[in-house]
Amino acid sequence: MLAIVLLALLCAQFQAAHATFQYFAGYEPLTNVTRHSLIDLDLKDIIAGLGGTCGDTCTLNAACPSSSDAAKGTGCGYDGTTMSFPNGVDCNWSVDGNYVGTLTGNCDNAYDIWTSGKHSFKDDEMRYIRKFASGADTKSSGTRTNDVDYKDNDHIKLMNAYWATKGLNQYTWGEEMIEAAFKGTQVGSNTDLDFSTVGRDFRKEAIQKGIVYLNIYQYMIWEMQDQVNDCKAQTLSQNDDASVKAWDEAVAFYSGSLVRGEEYGTSTTGKLQYALADKRCRNFNTCAGKLVLTTPPSGMSTVNQEIYALFNEGKKLARTGTTADCPKLDVLMDKIATLSLIPFVQGTMRYLYKTKDSASAKEAGELWAFASAILPFVHEVDPTAAEKLYKRAWKHDFTSDTYETIKTGIEGTLTNLGAGSGKGLITCESIGDLYTGTTLDSAGCTSPSSSSKNNDTALGLGIGIPLGAIAITALVFVVLLWRKSSANSKRVEELTMQLRGPGKDFYP
């Protein structure tokens, strides 16, 4: 009976499928969000325009070895004179109805790309990353009274509240941080960190990582919220692919154009959160399907597998768009936003370890970026643990608290990180153990309930194998029929991932 039901379900999905646009590493958008995804090319060019580094010899708070080194972009100091970062904007874009842009001025400078864009066209203007945060105070889905605005989303509201206590603008703190890193200044009225003193390598890491973790991540959340707003307002054209536009945009901002058309777990060129998750899984042995670390892990991260399963589930709900679907879509948004924190936590743990004995400017800058991404969430659970991390990352206090103390404090907050329905999805096991290659550097924590979960899993396997065999038989039958059309192979992949996804615990 189960096989018949599954078979009917699969056939129905196949009939409804119409592959039109290239996949984003396992997600088939139903609308054209290619232009949105090109925002990663802006970041790529920004990184390329930041100049050289001086590497391990560049210590935190060091001055330039010489003026000639600074001019070449290889000095430690980074006071605004070592690079041609303008105080104003030197490029202006005009975009016609065919999304053809005309440039006035020069837009190859890293700062200009941050503040004016270069690759991602939006209607009659150019999309640019700085605006993701600069417009946070007023961003909304429209004038509908029941909409949740950008600043009122549970995740974003939590971040806003924290950074306001640190002297930053409560809405545009992401913009303030990157602006300060570019210009070599303090961040707002915060006196704990002065970017003119921390060294070139620190500032480079702050810019290239902070753009994603402190600006694009928040906007990805907003696009999901926009989709939920449209659903609750019932402004969707039911079963019209245009109804998933905002949800597709969220996936585009999570993935980026550099993984468009790729299979699961094959990206080596991505610049956004998708690529970060796959990179961090190789450091923490949390790549999907890796049971024993015998070689450096590779492939798709477990968290990406989970997030993409949720993205695909959300797409189905958004297409239906009934009133009953809206709360479920809201739950998915919370879970995706929370799971997205896992690579940020992993990055924080990695650079806490790397800076526990001594800190180069580069490593300290990476710690700053990762820590800043999770500090609001850690603070919400344990203010004391958050303050210890803040002192290390922002005040460069490497003596008051040990690495072990800060690490343990963060680990104690894991199961309560996030907001709304996402709380409880992050565990010690989802963070993993820190490795260099196959060498264990630092063991992670163990969730208190992990042993009971293992027993439950064993029991579930014992019960589920017979049912699973029936389901697989049905799936194989359909796949064999479906593979007769090569154009549908991608759809098969998507459905397979959905069926074998992260499990019922991840779904509303």
Protein backbone atom coordinates (compact mmCIF):
# COMPACT_ATOMS: atom_id res chain seq x y z
CA MET A 1 0.00 0.00 0.00
CA LEU A 2 2.82 2.37 0.93
CA ALA A 3 4.52 1.66 -2.38
CA ILE A 4 1.35 2.54 -4.26
CA VAL A 5 0.99 5.81 -2.39
CA LEU A 6 4.62 6.74 -3.01
CA LEU A 7 4.32 5.80 -6.64
CA ALA A 8 1.27 7.98 -7.08
CA LEU A 9 2.95 10.86 -5.29
CA LEU A 10 6.06 10.63 -7.42
CA CYS A 11 4.10 10.44 -10.65
CA ALA A 12 2.10 13.48 -9.66
CA GLN A 13 5.27 15.43 -8.96
CA PHE A 14 6.81 14.37 -12.23
CA GLN A 15 3.76 15.52 -14.13
CA ALA A 16 3.90 18.91 -12.45
CA ALA A 17 7.61 19.35 -13.02
CA HIS A 18 8.82 21.66 -15.71
CA ALA A 19 12.55 22.25 -15.64
CA THR A 20 13.17 25.68 -17.08
CA PHE A 21 16.04 27.23 -15.16
CA GLN A 22 19.42 25.90 -14.12
CA TYR A 23 19.70 24.27 -10.73
CA PHE A 24 21.50 25.86 -7.82
CA ALA A 25 23.36 22.77 -6.59
CA GLY A 26 20.20 20.71 -6.08
CA TYR A 27 17.46 23.35 -6.14
CA GLU A 28 15.48 24.01 -9.29
CA PRO A 29 14.21 27.62 -9.31
CA LEU A 30 10.84 28.09 -10.94
CA THR A 31 11.48 31.75 -11.67
CA ASN A 32 14.37 33.62 -13.24
CA VAL A 33 16.69 34.61 -10.40
CA THR A 34 19.90 34.47 -12.39
CA ARG A 35 20.46 38.21 -12.04
CA HIS A 36 20.05 37.96 -8.27
CA SER A 37 22.62 35.19 -8.02
CA LEU A 38 25.24 37.32 -9.80
CA ILE A 39 25.78 39.20 -6.55
CA ASP A 40 28.55 36.70 -5.80
CA LEU A 41 30.51 38.11 -8.76
CA ASP A 42 30.46 41.48 -7.02
CA LEU A 43 32.04 39.85 -4.00
CA LYS A 44 34.57 38.03 -6.19
CA ASP A 45 35.68 41.33 -7.74
CA ILE A 46 35.74 43.07 -4.36
CA ILE A 47 38.09 40.38 -3.03
CA ALA A 48 40.29 40.68 -6.12
CA GLY A 49 40.46 44.44 -5.61
CA LEU A 50 41.60 44.32 -2.01
CA GLY A 51 45.25 43.87 -2.93
CA GLY A 52 47.91 41.66 -1.47
CA THR A 53 48.60 40.41 2.00
CA CYS A 54 51.75 40.16 3.98
CA GLY A 55 50.90 36.78 5.50
CA ASP A 56 52.27 35.39 8.76
CA THR A 57 54.64 38.30 9.24
CA CYS A 58 51.71 40.65 9.57
CA THR A 59 50.93 40.62 13.25
CA LEU A 60 47.91 42.14 14.90
CA ASN A 61 48.20 45.89 15.54
CA ALA A 62 51.51 46.11 13.66
CA ALA A 63 52.61 49.05 11.59
CA CYS A 64 53.70 48.82 7.97
CA PRO A 65 57.27 47.54 7.66
CA SER A 66 57.96 50.30 5.19
CA SER A 67 56.18 52.81 3.02
CA SER A 68 57.20 50.92 -0.11
CA ASP A 69 55.58 47.75 1.19
CA ALA A 70 52.42 49.67 1.90
CA ALA A 71 52.34 51.12 -1.59
CA LYS A 72 52.67 47.63 -3.07
CA GLY A 73 49.81 46.41 -0.95
CA THR A 74 51.96 44.03 1.04
CA GLY A 75 52.38 45.95 4.28
CA CYS A 76 50.69 45.25 7.58
CA GLY A 77 49.30 48.72 8.08
CA TYR A 78 46.02 49.52 6.45
CA ASP A 79 45.17 53.08 7.30
CA GLY A 80 43.36 54.15 4.15
CA THR A 81 46.46 55.34 2.37
CA THR A 82 47.76 51.94 1.38
CA MET A 83 44.97 51.38 -1.11
CA SER A 84 42.89 53.50 -3.42
CA PHE A 85 39.67 53.22 -1.48
CA PRO A 86 37.77 56.43 -2.22
CA ASN A 87 35.67 58.29 0.30
CA GLY A 88 32.94 58.78 -2.26
CA VAL A 89 31.40 56.83 -5.10
CA ASP A 90 33.05 56.99 -8.51
CA CYS A 91 30.61 54.92 -10.53
CA ASN A 92 27.03 55.35 -11.65
CA TRP A 93 24.91 52.76 -13.41
CA SER A 94 21.90 53.19 -15.63
CA VAL A 95 20.07 50.03 -16.69
CA ASP A 96 17.62 49.75 -19.58
CA GLY A 97 14.59 47.49 -19.94
CA ASN A 98 16.74 44.70 -21.35
CA TYR A 99 18.99 44.72 -18.28
CA VAL A 100 21.85 46.29 -20.17
CA GLY A 101 23.88 48.55 -17.95
CA THR A 102 25.67 51.73 -18.88
CA LEU A 103 28.50 52.83 -16.61
CA THR A 104 29.48 56.41 -15.92
CA GLY A 105 32.82 56.66 -14.16
CA ASN A 106 35.02 53.83 -12.94
CA CYS A 107 33.52 50.93 -11.02
CA ASP A 108 36.48 48.59 -10.72
CA ASN A 109 37.48 49.77 -7.28
CA ALA A 110 36.53 47.37 -4.49
CA TYR A 111 34.78 50.05 -2.47
CA ASP A 112 32.76 51.27 -5.46
CA ILE A 113 31.55 47.74 -6.20
CA TRP A 114 30.44 47.37 -2.57
CA THR A 115 28.52 50.63 -2.67
CA SER A 116 27.26 50.71 -6.29
CA GLY A 117 27.37 47.14 -7.64
CA LYS A 118 28.69 45.76 -10.89
CA HIS A 119 27.04 42.50 -12.01
CA SER A 120 23.55 42.07 -10.51
CA PHE A 121 20.96 44.08 -12.46
CA LYS A 122 17.66 44.92 -10.79
CA ASP A 123 14.90 46.31 -12.98
CA ASP A 124 16.18 49.74 -14.02
CA GLU A 125 19.07 49.92 -11.59
CA MET A 126 22.03 47.96 -10.33
CA ARG A 127 21.72 45.81 -7.21
CA TYR A 128 24.52 46.40 -4.69
CA ILE A 129 25.45 44.69 -1.46
CA ARG A 130 25.73 47.83 0.68
CA LYS A 131 22.00 48.47 0.21
CA PHE A 132 21.16 45.10 1.77
CA ALA A 133 21.88 46.74 5.13
CA SER A 134 21.43 50.45 4.37
CA GLY A 135 17.77 49.87 3.54
CA ALA A 136 17.09 47.59 6.51
CA ASP A 137 15.12 50.22 8.45
CA THR A 138 12.45 50.65 5.77
CA LYS A 139 12.47 47.36 3.87
CA SER A 140 9.02 45.78 3.67
CA SER A 141 6.78 43.72 1.41
CA GLY A 142 4.44 46.69 0.91
CA THR A 143 1.81 48.55 2.89
CA ARG A 144 -0.09 45.53 4.21
CA THR A 145 -0.73 45.87 7.93
CA ASN A 146 -0.01 42.23 8.84
CA ASP A 147 3.36 41.98 7.08
CA VAL A 148 6.53 41.36 9.08
CA ASP A 149 9.06 43.98 7.95
CA TYR A 150 12.76 43.28 7.48
CA LYS A 151 13.72 44.71 10.86
CA ASP A 152 10.97 42.78 12.66
CA ASN A 153 11.91 39.29 11.53
CA ASP A 154 12.74 37.28 14.67
CA HIS A 155 16.32 36.47 13.61
CA ILE A 156 17.10 39.96 12.35
CA LYS A 157 15.42 41.65 15.33
CA LEU A 158 17.63 39.61 17.65
CA MET A 159 20.76 40.74 15.79
CA ASN A 160 19.60 44.35 15.70
CA ALA A 161 19.03 44.45 19.45
CA TYR A 162 22.47 43.09 20.25
CA TRP A 163 24.47 45.41 18.03
CA ALA A 164 22.55 48.41 19.32
CA THR A 165 23.98 47.65 22.78
CA LYS A 166 27.48 47.81 21.27
CA GLY A 167 27.12 51.34 19.92
CA LEU A 168 26.13 50.44 16.36
CA ASN A 169 23.05 51.55 14.44
CA GLN A 170 20.28 49.13 15.38
CA TYR A 171 19.31 48.57 11.75
CA THR A 172 22.33 49.28 9.56
CA TRP A 173 25.09 47.74 11.70
CA GLY A 174 26.15 45.39 8.87
CA GLU A 175 26.83 48.36 6.61
CA GLU A 176 28.64 50.22 9.40
CA MET A 177 31.03 47.33 9.98
CA ILE A 178 32.07 47.00 6.34
CA GLU A 179 32.32 50.77 5.87
CA ALA A 180 34.64 51.01 8.88
CA ALA A 181 36.77 48.14 7.58
CA PHE A 182 37.11 49.85 4.20
CA LYS A 183 37.87 53.30 5.60
CA GLY A 184 39.94 52.34 8.63
CA THR A 185 37.76 53.81 11.38
CA GLN A 186 35.86 52.86 14.48
CA VAL A 187 32.48 51.19 13.98
CA GLY A 188 29.79 53.72 14.83
CA SER A 189 30.24 54.88 18.41
CA ASN A 190 31.92 51.59 19.38
CA THR A 191 35.40 52.26 20.77
CA ASP A 192 36.43 48.62 21.26
CA LEU A 193 37.75 48.18 17.73
CA ASP A 194 39.56 50.68 15.51
CA PHE A 195 40.17 49.36 12.02
CA SER A 196 43.03 51.80 11.51
CA THR A 197 45.15 49.83 13.97
CA VAL A 198 44.52 46.17 13.26
CA GLY A 199 46.56 45.61 10.12
CA ARG A 200 45.87 45.10 6.45
CA ASP A 201 45.17 41.38 6.59
CA PHE A 202 42.62 41.81 9.39
CA ARG A 203 40.71 44.40 7.39
CA LYS A 204 40.71 42.29 4.24
CA GLU A 205 39.21 39.32 6.08
CA ALA A 206 36.67 41.57 7.76
CA ILE A 207 35.52 42.92 4.40
CA GLN A 208 35.36 39.76 2.32
CA LYS A 209 33.80 37.60 5.03
CA GLY A 210 31.71 40.27 6.72
CA ILE A 211 29.98 41.09 3.43
CA VAL A 212 28.51 37.57 3.42
CA TYR A 213 28.06 36.83 7.13
CA LEU A 214 26.86 40.29 8.21
CA ASN A 215 24.99 41.52 5.13
CA ILE A 216 23.98 38.88 2.55
CA TYR A 217 22.95 36.30 5.17
CA GLN A 218 20.46 38.75 6.66
CA TYR A 219 19.06 39.56 3.24
CA MET A 220 18.59 35.89 2.46
CA ILE A 221 16.45 35.67 5.60
CA TRP A 222 14.47 38.69 4.45
CA GLU A 223 13.62 37.10 1.09
CA MET A 224 12.16 34.11 2.92
CA GLN A 225 10.20 36.47 5.17
CA ASP A 226 8.93 38.27 2.08
CA GLN A 227 7.65 34.94 0.77
CA VAL A 228 5.89 34.21 4.07
CA ASN A 229 4.32 37.69 3.98
CA ASP A 230 2.97 37.11 0.48
CA CYS A 231 1.58 33.76 1.53
CA LYS A 232 -0.23 35.16 4.58
CA ALA A 233 -1.64 38.02 2.53
CA GLN A 234 -2.81 35.53 -0.10
CA THR A 235 -1.37 37.63 -2.90
CA LEU A 236 0.03 34.58 -4.65
CA SER A 237 -1.34 33.26 -7.90
CA GLN A 238 -2.00 29.73 -6.78
CA ASN A 239 0.08 27.15 -8.65
CA ASP A 240 1.70 29.93 -10.65
CA ASP A 241 5.47 29.67 -10.70
CA ALA A 242 5.72 33.42 -10.08
CA SER A 243 4.39 32.69 -6.61
CA VAL A 244 7.79 31.38 -5.50
CA LYS A 245 9.80 34.38 -6.65
CA ALA A 246 10.97 35.56 -3.23
CA TRP A 247 11.78 32.01 -2.11
CA ASP A 248 13.85 31.44 -5.26
CA GLU A 249 15.66 34.71 -4.54
CA ALA A 250 16.57 33.50 -1.05
CA VAL A 251 18.15 30.38 -2.58
CA ALA A 252 20.01 32.54 -5.11
CA PHE A 253 21.48 34.71 -2.34
CA TYR A 254 22.44 31.61 -0.34
CA SER A 255 24.04 29.83 -3.32
CA GLY A 256 25.35 32.38 -5.84
CA SER A 257 25.85 32.13 -9.57
CA LEU A 258 29.13 30.24 -9.30
CA VAL A 259 27.29 27.07 -8.20
CA ARG A 260 24.47 27.47 -10.73
CA GLY A 261 24.26 24.36 -12.88
CA GLU A 262 26.45 22.30 -10.52
CA GLU A 263 25.62 19.06 -8.80
CA TYR A 264 25.46 18.59 -5.05
CA GLY A 265 28.74 19.00 -3.28
CA THR A 266 30.92 19.79 -6.29
CA SER A 267 31.50 23.51 -5.81
CA THR A 268 35.05 24.70 -5.48
CA THR A 269 34.48 28.23 -6.72
CA GLY A 270 31.48 29.50 -4.77
CA LYS A 271 31.71 32.65 -2.62
CA LEU A 272 28.50 32.63 -0.57
CA GLN A 273 27.09 30.54 2.29
CA TYR A 274 26.68 27.36 0.28
CA ALA A 275 30.40 27.23 -0.49
CA LEU A 276 31.29 28.18 3.09
CA ALA A 277 29.29 25.27 4.51
CA ASP A 278 31.04 22.80 2.22
CA LYS A 279 34.43 24.30 3.12
CA ARG A 280 33.83 24.09 6.86
CA CYS A 281 32.57 20.51 6.71
CA ARG A 282 36.07 19.49 5.58
CA ASN A 283 37.49 21.09 8.74
CA PHE A 284 34.98 19.45 11.09
CA ASN A 285 34.23 16.11 9.36
CA THR A 286 30.59 17.05 8.87
CA CYS A 287 30.39 16.33 5.15
CA ALA A 288 27.37 14.22 4.22
CA GLY A 289 28.00 10.49 4.24
CA LYS A 290 31.36 10.61 6.04
CA LEU A 291 31.21 8.05 8.84
CA VAL A 292 34.92 7.61 9.44
CA LEU A 293 37.61 10.20 8.79
CA THR A 294 40.25 8.36 6.79
CA THR A 295 41.05 11.03 4.24
CA PRO A 296 40.31 14.76 4.13
CA PRO A 297 36.52 14.90 3.74
CA SER A 298 34.96 16.22 0.58
CA GLY A 299 31.57 16.67 -0.95
CA MET A 300 28.40 18.32 0.20
CA SER A 301 28.12 19.33 3.83
CA THR A 302 25.41 17.74 5.93
CA VAL A 303 24.01 21.17 6.73
CA ASN A 304 23.72 22.04 3.03
CA GLN A 305 21.90 18.78 2.46
CA GLU A 306 19.49 19.70 5.25
CA ILE A 307 19.04 23.30 4.10
CA TYR A 308 18.41 22.36 0.48
CA ALA A 309 15.84 19.77 1.51
CA LEU A 310 14.07 22.55 3.42
CA PHE A 311 14.40 24.96 0.49
CA ASN A 312 12.76 22.36 -1.77
CA GLU A 313 9.99 21.73 0.74
CA GLY A 314 9.38 25.48 1.00
CA LYS A 315 9.15 25.77 -2.77
CA LYS A 316 6.31 23.25 -2.82
CA LEU A 317 4.46 25.08 -0.04
CA ALA A 318 4.96 28.46 -1.69
CA ARG A 319 3.57 27.17 -4.99
CA THR A 320 0.44 25.93 -3.27
CA GLY A 321 0.22 29.05 -1.15
CA THR A 322 -2.91 28.16 0.78
CA THR A 323 -3.62 29.71 4.15
CA ALA A 324 -2.81 26.39 5.81
CA ASP A 325 0.64 26.35 4.15
CA CYS A 326 1.77 29.73 5.49
CA PRO A 327 2.60 28.69 9.09
CA LYS A 328 4.56 25.73 7.71
CA LEU A 329 6.52 28.07 5.43
CA ASP A 330 7.23 30.29 8.43
CA VAL A 331 8.65 27.30 10.29
CA LEU A 332 10.89 26.39 7.37
CA MET A 333 12.26 29.93 7.28
CA ASP A 334 13.23 29.77 10.96
CA LYS A 335 14.90 26.39 10.49
CA ILE A 336 16.91 27.46 7.43
CA ALA A 337 18.04 30.68 9.13
CA THR A 338 19.13 28.73 12.22
CA LEU A 339 20.89 25.91 10.38
CA SER A 340 22.79 28.57 8.40
CA LEU A 341 24.55 29.49 11.64
CA ILE A 342 26.38 26.13 11.76
CA PRO A 343 29.27 27.14 9.42
CA PHE A 344 29.57 30.44 11.35
CA VAL A 345 29.93 28.53 14.62
CA GLN A 346 32.45 26.18 13.01
CA GLY A 347 34.47 29.12 11.68
CA THR A 348 34.44 30.74 15.12
CA MET A 349 35.68 27.53 16.73
CA ARG A 350 38.41 27.11 14.11
CA TYR A 351 39.83 30.59 14.53
CA LEU A 352 39.48 30.55 18.28
CA TYR A 353 41.79 27.55 18.12
CA LYS A 354 44.17 29.19 15.64
CA THR A 355 44.50 32.31 17.80
CA LYS A 356 44.70 30.60 21.19
CA ASP A 357 48.49 30.96 21.46
CA SER A 358 49.28 33.80 19.06
CA ALA A 359 47.30 35.77 16.52
CA SER A 360 48.25 36.94 13.08
CA ALA A 361 46.27 39.83 11.66
CA LYS A 362 44.65 37.48 9.13
CA GLU A 363 43.53 34.91 11.67
CA ALA A 364 42.30 37.58 14.07
CA GLY A 365 40.30 39.14 11.22
CA GLU A 366 38.70 35.81 10.37
CA LEU A 367 37.81 35.27 14.02
CA TRP A 368 36.22 38.73 14.10
CA ALA A 369 34.00 37.99 11.09
CA PHE A 370 32.80 34.58 12.24
CA ALA A 371 32.34 35.64 15.86
CA SER A 372 30.38 38.74 14.85
CA ALA A 373 27.95 36.52 12.95
CA ILE A 374 27.07 34.41 16.00
CA LEU A 375 27.54 36.87 18.89
CA PRO A 376 23.89 38.07 18.95
CA PHE A 377 22.63 34.49 19.13
CA VAL A 378 25.14 33.40 21.77
CA HIS A 379 24.25 36.50 23.82
CA GLU A 380 20.56 35.66 23.65
CA VAL A 381 21.29 32.33 25.35
CA ASP A 382 24.27 33.17 27.60
CA PRO A 383 25.38 36.83 27.89
CA THR A 384 28.47 35.85 29.89
CA ALA A 385 29.70 33.43 27.20
CA ALA A 386 29.01 36.04 24.52
CA GLU A 387 30.98 38.72 26.32
CA LYS A 388 34.03 36.47 26.61
CA LEU A 389 33.89 35.84 22.87
CA TYR A 390 33.34 39.55 22.19
CA LYS A 391 36.41 40.51 24.24
CA ARG A 392 38.53 38.06 22.26
CA ALA A 393 37.20 39.05 18.81
CA TRP A 394 36.59 42.79 19.19
CA LYS A 395 38.87 43.91 22.03
CA HIS A 396 41.69 41.49 21.17
CA ASP A 397 41.89 40.37 24.76
CA PHE A 398 43.81 37.11 24.53
CA THR A 399 44.61 36.78 28.24
CA SER A 400 41.48 37.19 30.38
CA ASP A 401 39.82 33.95 29.25
CA THR A 402 41.39 30.81 27.88
CA TYR A 403 40.51 29.22 24.57
CA GLU A 404 38.95 26.30 26.43
CA THR A 405 36.76 28.60 28.54
CA ILE A 406 35.40 30.51 25.53
CA LYS A 407 34.91 27.30 23.52
CA THR A 408 33.00 25.62 26.35
CA GLY A 409 30.83 28.69 26.80
CA ILE A 410 29.81 28.67 23.13
CA GLU A 411 29.15 24.92 23.20
CA GLY A 412 26.78 25.42 26.10
CA THR A 413 24.56 27.61 23.94
CA LEU A 414 24.37 25.44 20.81
CA THR A 415 21.01 23.75 21.32
CA ASN A 416 19.30 27.09 21.95
CA LEU A 417 20.87 29.12 19.14
CA GLY A 418 18.62 30.64 16.51
CA ALA A 419 15.07 31.90 16.73
CA GLY A 420 11.55 30.55 16.60
CA SER A 421 11.15 27.02 15.32
CA GLY A 422 14.85 26.80 14.50
CA LYS A 423 15.93 26.46 18.11
CA GLY A 424 17.11 22.97 18.93
CA LEU A 425 18.39 22.07 15.45
CA ILE A 426 22.04 22.86 16.21
CA THR A 427 23.81 20.22 18.28
CA CYS A 428 27.35 19.35 19.28
CA GLU A 429 27.33 16.68 16.59
CA SER A 430 26.28 19.11 13.86
CA ILE A 431 29.32 21.26 14.68
CA GLY A 432 31.72 18.29 14.85
CA ASP A 433 35.40 18.01 15.82
CA LEU A 434 38.11 20.30 14.47
CA TYR A 435 40.66 18.65 12.16
CA THR A 436 43.64 19.66 10.10
CA GLY A 437 43.45 17.08 7.33
CA THR A 438 43.06 13.83 9.26
CA THR A 439 44.70 15.14 12.44
CA LEU A 440 42.36 15.94 15.30
CA ASP A 441 43.09 19.44 16.64
CA SER A 442 40.25 19.89 19.09
CA ALA A 443 37.40 17.57 20.03
CA GLY A 444 33.94 19.03 20.00
CA CYS A 445 31.32 18.58 22.66
CA THR A 446 28.81 15.74 22.97
CA SER A 447 25.10 16.45 23.20
CA PRO A 448 23.57 15.06 26.43
CA SER A 449 20.90 13.17 24.52
CA SER A 450 23.17 11.74 21.82
CA SER A 451 23.23 8.21 23.27
CA SER A 452 19.45 8.00 23.49
CA LYS A 453 19.20 9.35 19.95
CA ASN A 454 21.50 6.60 18.77
CA ASN A 455 19.25 4.00 20.40
CA ASP A 456 16.20 5.59 18.81
CA THR A 457 17.96 5.57 15.46
CA ALA A 458 18.78 1.87 15.77
CA LEU A 459 15.17 1.09 16.63
CA GLY A 460 13.94 3.23 13.75
CA LEU A 461 16.23 1.44 11.34
CA GLY A 462 14.95 -1.91 12.50
CA ILE A 463 11.36 -0.85 11.90
CA GLY A 464 12.03 1.24 8.84
CA ILE A 465 14.09 -1.13 6.70
CA PRO A 466 11.12 -3.19 5.47
CA LEU A 467 9.12 -0.05 4.71
CA GLY A 468 12.14 1.58 3.16
CA ALA A 469 12.66 -1.38 0.86
CA ILE A 470 9.13 -1.00 -0.46
CA ALA A 471 9.60 2.73 -0.94
CA ILE A 472 12.89 2.23 -2.75
CA THR A 473 11.31 -0.35 -5.04
CA ALA A 474 8.62 2.14 -5.99
CA LEU A 475 11.19 4.88 -6.49
CA VAL A 476 13.41 2.73 -8.67
CA PHE A 477 10.44 1.80 -10.86
CA VAL A 478 9.53 5.42 -11.44
CA VAL A 479 13.12 6.49 -11.95
CA LEU A 480 13.66 3.83 -14.61
CA LEU A 481 10.68 5.14 -16.51
CA TRP A 482 11.63 8.71 -15.98
CA ARG A 483 15.23 8.34 -17.07
CA LYS A 484 14.01 7.57 -20.56
CA SER A 485 13.84 11.35 -20.88
CA SER A 486 17.28 12.89 -20.24
CA ALA A 487 15.68 16.28 -19.72
CA ASN A 488 14.17 15.04 -16.47
CA SER A 489 17.33 13.64 -14.84
CA LYS A 490 17.75 16.70 -12.67
CA ARG A 491 14.21 16.33 -11.34
CA VAL A 492 15.00 12.78 -10.35
CA GLU A 493 17.99 14.05 -8.41
CA GLU A 494 15.88 16.62 -6.59
CA LEU A 495 13.20 14.14 -5.64
CA THR A 496 15.77 11.62 -4.47
CA MET A 497 17.31 14.25 -2.21
CA GLN A 498 13.91 15.21 -0.88
CA LEU A 499 13.06 11.61 -0.01
CA ARG A 500 16.38 10.90 1.67
CA GLY A 501 16.62 14.36 3.26
CA PRO A 502 17.41 15.24 6.85
CA GLY A 503 14.40 13.49 8.34
CA LYS A 504 11.11 14.44 9.86
CA ASP A 505 12.71 16.52 12.59
CA PHE A 506 13.58 19.18 10.05
CA TYR A 507 10.09 19.60 8.67
CA PRO A 508 7.11 21.44 10.13
